[in-house]
Protein backbone atom coordinates (compact mmCIF):
# COMPACT_ATOMS: atom_id res chain seq x y z
CA MET A 1 -0.18 -0.18 0.08
CA SER A 2 1.56 3.61 -0.83
CA GLU A 3 1.98 5.91 1.65
CA THR A 4 -0.94 7.96 0.21
CA SER A 5 -3.28 5.20 0.24
CA GLU A 6 -2.03 4.32 3.87
CA ALA A 7 -3.01 7.76 4.90
CA ALA A 8 -6.29 7.79 3.56
CA ALA A 9 -6.84 4.36 5.28
CA GLN A 10 -6.19 6.07 8.53
CA ARG A 11 -8.00 8.82 8.05
CA ARG A 12 -11.14 6.94 7.17
CA ASP A 13 -10.49 4.81 10.50
CA VAL A 14 -10.33 8.09 12.52
CA ASP A 15 -13.59 9.23 10.95
CA ARG A 16 -15.62 6.17 11.63
CA LEU A 17 -14.51 6.15 15.26
CA VAL A 18 -15.47 9.80 15.65
CA MET A 19 -18.76 9.29 13.83
CA PHE A 20 -19.53 6.25 15.97
CA SER A 21 -18.56 7.98 19.24
CA ASP A 22 -20.59 11.08 18.70
CA ALA A 23 -23.72 8.99 17.74
CA VAL A 24 -23.28 7.27 21.11
CA TYR A 25 -23.11 10.63 23.13
CA ALA A 26 -25.92 12.10 21.35
CA ILE A 27 -28.00 9.01 21.75
CA ALA A 28 -27.08 9.14 25.50
CA ILE A 29 -28.04 12.59 26.06
CA THR A 30 -31.48 12.26 24.37
CA LEU A 31 -32.15 9.10 26.46
CA LEU A 32 -31.64 11.25 29.38
CA VAL A 33 -35.29 12.81 29.06
CA LEU A 34 -36.38 9.30 29.90
CA SER A 35 -36.03 9.85 33.20
CA LEU A 36 -38.49 12.41 33.24
CA SER A 37 -42.14 11.53 33.40
CA VAL A 38 -45.27 13.78 34.31
CA PRO A 39 -47.73 11.77 36.83
CA ASN A 40 -51.26 11.49 35.97
CA GLY A 41 -53.41 13.80 38.04
CA PRO A 42 -55.85 16.52 38.29
CA ALA A 43 -54.95 19.97 36.59
CA LYS A 44 -55.31 21.79 39.96
CA HIS A 45 -52.45 19.71 41.31
CA LEU A 46 -50.27 20.34 38.30
CA GLY A 47 -48.12 22.72 40.28
CA LYS A 48 -47.62 19.99 43.12
CA VAL A 49 -46.62 17.78 40.43
CA LEU A 50 -43.99 19.79 38.90
CA ARG A 51 -42.52 20.52 42.10
CA ASP A 52 -42.27 16.88 42.81
CA LEU A 53 -40.24 16.51 39.50
CA ARG A 54 -37.44 18.66 40.97
CA PRO A 55 -35.24 15.80 41.91
CA GLN A 56 -35.83 14.26 38.43
CA LEU A 57 -35.03 17.62 36.66
CA LEU A 58 -31.81 18.35 38.33
CA SER A 59 -30.48 14.84 37.97
CA TYR A 60 -31.10 15.34 34.22
CA ALA A 61 -29.61 18.78 33.91
CA LEU A 62 -26.68 17.53 35.91
CA SER A 63 -26.31 14.30 33.80
CA PHE A 64 -26.81 16.66 30.62
CA VAL A 65 -23.94 18.96 31.51
CA VAL A 66 -21.52 16.08 32.76
CA ILE A 67 -22.18 14.16 29.29
CA GLY A 68 -21.61 17.08 27.28
CA ARG A 69 -18.46 17.99 29.16
CA TYR A 70 -17.10 14.61 28.46
CA TRP A 71 -18.21 14.92 25.05
CA VAL A 72 -16.22 18.29 24.59
CA ALA A 73 -13.35 16.61 25.97
CA HIS A 74 -13.64 13.64 23.66
CA HIS A 75 -14.00 16.04 20.64
CA GLN A 76 -10.93 17.90 21.67
CA MET A 77 -8.75 14.96 22.32
CA PHE A 78 -9.63 13.00 18.97
CA ARG A 79 -9.76 16.43 16.75
CA SER A 80 -6.17 16.00 16.30
CA LEU A 81 -6.08 12.17 15.96
CA ARG A 82 -4.04 10.85 12.88
CA ARG A 83 -4.38 7.33 13.57
CA VAL A 84 -5.97 4.45 15.74
CA ASP A 85 -4.96 0.93 17.09
CA ASN A 86 -6.89 -1.62 18.39
CA THR A 87 -6.01 -0.82 21.97
CA LEU A 88 -7.59 2.66 21.42
CA LEU A 89 -10.80 1.15 19.70
CA TRP A 90 -11.25 -1.20 22.67
CA ILE A 91 -10.55 1.51 25.79
CA ASN A 92 -12.99 3.94 23.35
CA LEU A 93 -15.76 1.22 23.46
CA ALA A 94 -15.64 0.80 26.99
CA LEU A 95 -16.00 4.40 27.58
CA LEU A 96 -18.84 4.40 24.92
CA GLY A 97 -20.31 1.52 26.90
CA PHE A 98 -20.77 3.46 30.28
CA VAL A 99 -21.83 6.57 28.72
CA ALA A 100 -24.69 4.85 27.14
CA LEU A 101 -25.43 3.49 30.61
CA LEU A 102 -25.75 6.94 32.32
CA PRO A 103 -29.55 7.47 31.65
CA PHE A 104 -29.91 4.67 34.10
CA PRO A 105 -27.82 5.94 36.94
CA THR A 106 -29.46 9.33 36.16
CA GLN A 107 -33.03 7.88 36.76
CA VAL A 108 -31.69 5.93 40.33
CA LEU A 109 -30.69 9.67 41.20
CA GLY A 110 -33.90 11.43 40.26
CA ASP A 111 -35.92 8.65 42.12
CA TYR A 112 -33.42 7.69 45.07
CA GLY A 113 -31.34 10.89 45.38
CA GLY A 114 -32.19 11.19 49.02
CA THR A 115 -30.36 7.50 49.91
CA THR A 116 -26.87 6.73 50.12
CA LEU A 117 -26.95 3.85 47.53
CA GLY A 118 -28.88 6.04 44.80
CA THR A 119 -26.20 8.74 45.41
CA ILE A 120 -23.36 6.08 45.18
CA VAL A 121 -24.69 4.65 42.22
CA TYR A 122 -24.71 7.79 40.31
CA ALA A 123 -21.19 8.90 41.67
CA ALA A 124 -19.69 5.54 40.82
CA ALA A 125 -21.15 5.61 37.35
CA LEU A 126 -19.42 9.03 36.79
CA CYS A 127 -16.39 7.81 38.14
CA ALA A 128 -16.17 4.81 35.52
CA VAL A 129 -16.91 7.32 32.74
CA GLY A 130 -14.42 9.82 33.83
CA SER A 131 -11.73 7.31 34.50
CA LEU A 132 -12.04 5.60 30.80
CA SER A 133 -12.08 9.24 29.42
CA VAL A 134 -8.92 9.88 31.19
CA LEU A 135 -7.36 6.72 30.18
CA THR A 136 -8.61 7.03 26.59
CA GLY A 137 -6.74 10.61 26.72
CA TRP A 138 -3.62 9.25 28.37
CA TYR A 139 -3.46 6.35 25.70
CA ILE A 140 -3.64 8.65 22.75
CA HIS A 141 -0.91 10.97 24.38
CA HIS A 142 1.41 8.39 25.20
CA ALA A 143 0.81 6.08 22.24
CA GLY A 144 1.77 8.94 20.09
CA LEU A 145 -1.74 8.68 17.99
CA THR A 146 -1.99 12.43 17.84
CA GLU A 147 -0.29 15.34 15.85
CA PRO A 148 2.65 16.27 17.95
CA GLU A 149 2.11 19.90 18.17
CA ALA A 150 -1.64 19.10 19.76
CA ALA A 151 -0.10 16.62 22.42
CA SER A 152 -0.16 19.33 25.16
CA GLN A 153 -3.95 19.80 24.08
CA VAL A 154 -4.83 16.06 24.90
CA ARG A 155 -2.82 15.95 28.18
CA SER A 156 -4.77 19.08 29.36
CA GLN A 157 -8.03 17.33 28.82
CA TYR A 158 -7.22 14.26 30.91
CA VAL A 159 -5.56 16.13 33.57
CA ARG A 160 -8.53 18.29 33.84
CA GLY A 161 -10.94 14.93 33.71
CA ALA A 162 -9.11 13.33 36.55
CA LEU A 163 -10.12 16.36 38.57
CA VAL A 164 -13.57 15.49 38.02
CA VAL A 165 -13.26 11.73 38.74
CA ALA A 166 -11.65 12.81 42.05
CA ILE A 167 -14.65 14.91 43.11
CA PHE A 168 -17.22 12.08 42.36
CA ALA A 169 -14.98 9.52 43.94
CA LEU A 170 -14.52 11.66 47.20
CA SER A 171 -18.46 12.13 47.25
CA ILE A 172 -18.82 8.30 47.61
CA PRO A 173 -17.50 8.26 51.14
CA ILE A 174 -19.43 11.52 51.87
CA ALA A 175 -22.58 9.88 50.90
CA PHE A 176 -22.57 7.31 53.75
CA ALA A 177 -22.59 10.34 56.30
CA SER A 178 -25.00 12.55 54.11
CA PRO A 179 -26.25 12.12 50.62
CA ALA A 180 -27.18 15.74 50.51
CA ALA A 181 -23.64 16.66 51.37
CA ALA A 182 -22.02 14.30 48.93
CA LYS A 183 -24.24 15.72 46.07
CA PHE A 184 -23.38 19.56 47.18
CA SER A 185 -19.67 18.39 46.83
CA TRP A 186 -20.11 17.83 43.17
CA LEU A 187 -20.31 21.66 42.86
CA LEU A 188 -16.87 21.59 43.32
CA ILE A 189 -16.43 20.52 39.71
CA LEU A 190 -17.09 24.18 38.65
CA PRO A 191 -13.99 25.92 40.50
CA ALA A 192 -12.06 22.88 39.99
CA GLY A 193 -12.56 23.53 36.36
CA ILE A 194 -11.42 26.99 36.35
CA VAL A 195 -8.45 26.30 38.20
CA ALA A 196 -7.52 23.52 36.03
CA ARG A 197 -7.75 25.53 32.82
CA ARG A 198 -5.64 27.98 34.48
CA HIS A 199 -2.73 25.78 35.50
CA PHE A 200 -2.92 23.19 33.01
CA LYS A 201 -3.19 25.21 29.72
CA PRO A 202 -2.24 23.75 26.49
CA ALA A 203 1.14 24.75 25.23
CA THR A 204 0.55 27.22 22.24
CA VAL A 205 2.66 26.72 18.83
């Protein structure tokens, strides 16, 4: 196979991987809405019904933001990908498997977010997604699958992703004492992201 043909084949492999990944993220985000359901009841009780839906709405919003954040990281890590190998394919497939699963822990959190187990199930699911996202970025960087000038961008993404994993992981022991405090600790993702962007900026070329 000529060098030109080999480069074209590698480009097709990358394009197929990116399109498949984007489709899974899009479907997972779309399926989040299935965690929302309006109970039947008289119209005069609509206000109460909507108030009762607040836990489901909050879990939906949280999962939407988190999945969106991981999709952005995935996009930025893969935009400079020049080739793929079998290891990356399997790591990415494992990541997408947990991404596709996220609507389930989202519904668990919406229905049982006041319990220790419900909070832990959600936090553990996000830890799994985050850990595999970090592993994906780490492998892309260390296997030299990306453009050399974009390596620092990939590194920046997986370092920032590791901070999100740490926050969800630390919330698990907190949930044994207080599920509410554990969920409150997830708000640390916002300032952690700001600090990470300042301290782990990708190098400019």
